[in-house]
Amino acid sequence: MSEALPHPRETFDYLSDGAAEARFQEALARGRLHHAWLLTGPEGIGKATFAYRAARRLLGAQAAPSFGLLGAGPEDPVSRQIVARAHPDLLVLQRDPETGKTRRDIPVDEARALPEFFAKSPAAAPYRVAIVDTADDLNNAGANALLKTLEEPSERGVLFLISHAPGALLPTLRSRCRRLRFAPPAHDAASAWVAAKSGLPLADAERLVGMAQGAPGQAWRLAGQGALAMDETAAALLGGLPKVDDANLLALAESFRGAAGAERFNLLFDRLAGRVHARALEGGASGARLAEVWSDLVDLPRRAEAINLDRGDILYSVIGQLKAAV
């Protein structure tokens, strides 16, 4: 039976080679715990899950070896507090608060709360812990506010910064963190894990892992978003060019309205980008033209969100580009 994708704070099993956990555990055991950790790697690979696992340990949860090196059980009092978002020594900054309101970035006022949070002594645990999920969502003012925290570290404070694209972060921010890099697990292991979690056949799970570039969490997320069906839609659109079914295209454009429509739009463009990129790599007369369209497919969802472009109009424009390119 398919499971819903849980939030990382509610995730207790962990698909990993254990390398990152071993490095963190060694630093903790030797009393050389760095005050700031930069967790890098592809989206959906388990960086946030690791951050919450490490946070449970720092906040005093009892070790549960059956859940892995940094594992703690879901019934542990610390785990229960974290799941309930009620632990006084844990602060989480994220772009989209769980009120359903979407924001373009993490507000600078929230980043400025970090120094005050770390200035206080732990209320109920050995440490105070903050998780920024993700540092990529900080604007310049927020990044500079975060830098102030890194320049004046707390003796009993630990900060976890999650980043999918660390190269875009301020160099001074990166230099003050200890980096942990997360790599995708073996494709077979990731596929088996996704199949078990999603309830999908192994062949479908393998396709999803491929779409997610090996990141199992992202593959599981794609399964819940209907990525397999959207991939078929992308394949049908490209396969029919230069002909287009106007009625189907209109229905697709209409389906992009609202918050759910934005997710469908982003997913379609992701799948179109993947397929167009593969076609461009085949070369031929259309290879260079398709490469140009691929660049737009990657960039347009971000631009649509930033300046509120009409998603239906963008779809028709891209289809026109593809018709001219094939």
Foldseek 3Di string as FASTA:
>chain_A
DADDQDDLLQDFAADAPCPLVVVQVVCVVVVNHAQEEEEEAAPQQCQSNVQNLVVLVQFPADDDPVRPDSGHDCPTPSSVCVVVVNQLQEAEFEQDPVPRDHHQAGDLVSLLCVVVSLVDQHDRGQAREYEYPAPVRADPSSLVSNLVCLVPDHPRHHYYHYDHCVVPHDPSVVVSHHYDYGDADDLQVLLVVLCVNGVDPSVLSSVLCVLSVRNSRNSNVCSVLVLVVLLVVLVVLLVPPPDDDVVVLVVLLVCLDDPNSLSSLLSNLSSNLVVLQVVLVVPDPLNVLSVVLSVCSVPVSVVCVVPVDRSSVVSVVSSVSSNVRD
